[in-house]
Amino acid sequence: MKTGKVGHWTGEELARIAQADDLHVSPFREDGVTYGTPTWVWCVVVGEAVYARAYHGGRSSWYQAALKQGAGRVRVAGIVRAAVFLPVPQEDPVQEAIDGAYREKYQGSPYLEAMLSPRARVATVCILPMKEE
């Protein structure tokens, strides 16, 4: 995918997404045109980007499709956007900020520790909207 297709979230979108608990990712299927089945995932906002992790790690089907296809669609907080999925290396310094955002947003959840684990951390994607043509 060409990086020229990557757009930016607006401040209003980021504020809505930061509060939302309903992000659904639909990476493209093999044909690169058909959207896959929407999968509900936890998301956080760090800076001007949205991040999501796969609870079951690198073998999660939505995560594998997101890496392979690199694009698809997201639905969150009443927003529906074509999106780009970019892998975030485990050693990337932004991972610490993502951990902090997960701790703040999902504190008290029995699933939080799993989302901070190496298994989930290795399956982190940055979600950015595609530029609107």
Protein backbone atom coordinates (compact mmCIF):
# COMPACT_ATOMS: atom_id res chain seq x y z
CA MET A 1 0.00 0.00 0.00
CA LYS A 2 1.23 3.48 -0.78
CA THR A 3 1.61 5.72 2.25
CA GLY A 4 0.03 8.52 0.23
CA LYS A 5 -3.31 6.88 0.99
CA VAL A 6 -2.96 7.56 4.72
CA GLY A 7 -5.04 10.41 6.10
CA HIS A 8 -5.48 11.88 9.57
CA TRP A 9 -8.14 11.66 12.24
CA THR A 10 -9.74 14.96 13.19
CA GLY A 11 -9.55 16.16 16.77
CA GLU A 12 -13.27 15.56 17.16
CA GLU A 13 -12.96 11.99 15.84
CA LEU A 14 -10.05 11.25 18.19
CA ALA A 15 -12.02 12.58 21.17
CA ARG A 16 -15.02 10.41 20.29
CA ILE A 17 -12.87 7.33 19.67
CA ALA A 18 -10.97 7.82 22.94
CA GLN A 19 -14.26 7.55 24.84
CA ALA A 20 -15.74 4.72 22.74
CA ASP A 21 -15.77 1.05 23.56
CA ASP A 22 -17.17 -0.16 20.25
CA LEU A 23 -14.40 -0.25 17.65
CA HIS A 24 -15.01 -2.91 15.00
CA VAL A 25 -12.26 -3.72 12.51
CA SER A 26 -12.99 -5.24 9.13
CA PRO A 27 -9.76 -5.83 7.22
CA PHE A 28 -10.23 -6.67 3.55
CA ARG A 29 -10.61 -10.30 2.57
CA GLU A 30 -8.19 -11.99 0.16
CA ASP A 31 -9.78 -10.25 -2.85
CA GLY A 32 -8.72 -6.86 -1.47
CA VAL A 33 -12.22 -5.47 -2.08
CA THR A 34 -14.65 -7.28 0.22
CA TYR A 35 -14.62 -6.30 3.88
CA GLY A 36 -14.13 -9.10 6.38
CA THR A 37 -16.44 -9.83 9.28
CA PRO A 38 -16.38 -6.95 11.78
CA THR A 39 -14.46 -7.88 14.93
CA TRP A 40 -14.89 -5.92 18.14
CA VAL A 41 -11.54 -4.85 19.62
CA TRP A 42 -10.35 -2.57 22.37
CA CYS A 43 -8.79 0.63 21.08
CA VAL A 44 -6.92 3.58 22.53
CA VAL A 45 -5.85 6.95 21.25
CA VAL A 46 -2.22 8.02 21.61
CA GLY A 47 -1.27 11.30 20.01
CA GLU A 48 -3.04 11.56 16.66
CA ALA A 49 -3.44 7.83 16.08
CA VAL A 50 -5.71 5.00 17.13
CA TYR A 51 -4.16 1.73 18.30
CA ALA A 52 -5.63 -1.73 18.81
CA ARG A 53 -4.24 -5.00 20.07
CA ALA A 54 -5.31 -8.55 19.40
CA TYR A 55 -6.32 -10.23 22.66
CA HIS A 56 -5.21 -13.62 21.34
CA GLY A 57 -1.96 -12.25 19.94
CA GLY A 58 -0.35 -12.64 16.55
CA ARG A 59 -2.47 -15.61 15.53
CA SER A 60 -5.75 -13.67 15.78
CA SER A 61 -7.51 -13.84 12.43
CA TRP A 62 -8.41 -10.14 12.29
CA TYR A 63 -4.80 -9.21 13.10
CA GLN A 64 -3.40 -11.54 10.44
CA ALA A 65 -5.81 -10.09 7.85
CA ALA A 66 -4.96 -6.53 8.91
CA LEU A 67 -1.25 -7.22 8.40
CA LYS A 68 -1.69 -9.05 5.13
CA GLN A 69 -4.19 -6.65 3.54
CA GLY A 70 -2.99 -3.46 5.23
CA ALA A 71 -6.39 -1.85 4.88
CA GLY A 72 -10.11 -2.25 5.43
CA ARG A 73 -12.76 -0.42 7.39
CA VAL A 74 -13.42 0.58 10.99
CA ARG A 75 -16.65 1.48 12.75
CA VAL A 76 -16.43 3.32 16.04
CA ALA A 77 -18.44 5.97 17.91
CA GLY A 78 -20.78 6.40 14.95
CA ILE A 79 -17.82 6.88 12.59
CA VAL A 80 -17.37 4.59 9.58
CA ARG A 81 -14.05 5.05 7.77
CA ALA A 82 -11.86 3.24 5.30
CA ALA A 83 -8.69 2.58 7.27
CA VAL A 84 -5.05 1.61 7.01
CA PHE A 85 -3.56 -0.90 9.47
CA LEU A 86 0.13 -0.47 10.26
CA PRO A 87 2.04 -2.92 12.47
CA VAL A 88 3.67 -1.44 15.57
CA PRO A 89 6.94 -3.20 16.47
CA GLN A 90 7.08 -4.48 20.03
CA GLU A 91 10.23 -2.42 20.68
CA ASP A 92 8.69 0.84 19.41
CA PRO A 93 8.71 3.44 22.23
CA VAL A 94 5.03 4.23 21.56
CA GLN A 95 4.18 0.83 23.09
CA GLU A 96 4.70 2.29 26.58
CA ALA A 97 2.21 5.08 25.85
CA ILE A 98 -0.23 2.52 24.45
CA ASP A 99 0.11 0.47 27.65
CA GLY A 100 -0.64 3.60 29.68
CA ALA A 101 -3.67 4.44 27.56
CA TYR A 102 -5.02 0.89 27.98
CA ARG A 103 -4.49 1.09 31.77
CA GLU A 104 -6.36 4.39 31.96
CA LYS A 105 -9.24 3.52 29.64
CA TYR A 106 -9.87 -0.06 30.76
CA GLN A 107 -8.91 0.10 34.45
CA GLY A 108 -10.82 -2.38 36.55
CA SER A 109 -11.44 -4.78 33.65
CA PRO A 110 -10.48 -8.41 34.26
CA TYR A 111 -9.10 -8.46 30.68
CA LEU A 112 -6.69 -5.55 31.10
CA GLU A 113 -3.63 -7.59 32.09
CA ALA A 114 -4.03 -9.79 29.01
CA MET A 115 -4.04 -6.67 26.82
CA LEU A 116 -0.77 -5.54 28.40
CA SER A 117 0.88 -8.95 28.01
CA PRO A 118 3.65 -9.68 25.51
CA ARG A 119 1.16 -11.88 23.60
CA ALA A 120 -1.14 -8.92 22.88
CA ARG A 121 1.62 -6.32 22.70
CA VAL A 122 3.28 -8.10 19.77
CA ALA A 123 -0.07 -7.85 17.92
CA THR A 124 -0.48 -4.05 18.02
CA VAL A 125 -1.64 -2.07 15.02
CA CYS A 126 -1.87 1.62 14.34
CA ILE A 127 -5.18 2.47 12.68
CA LEU A 128 -5.27 5.57 10.52
CA PRO A 129 -8.04 6.67 8.16
CA MET A 130 -7.49 6.52 4.43
CA LYS A 131 -7.41 9.83 2.65
CA GLU A 132 -10.79 10.63 1.25
CA GLU A 133 -10.61 10.91 -2.52
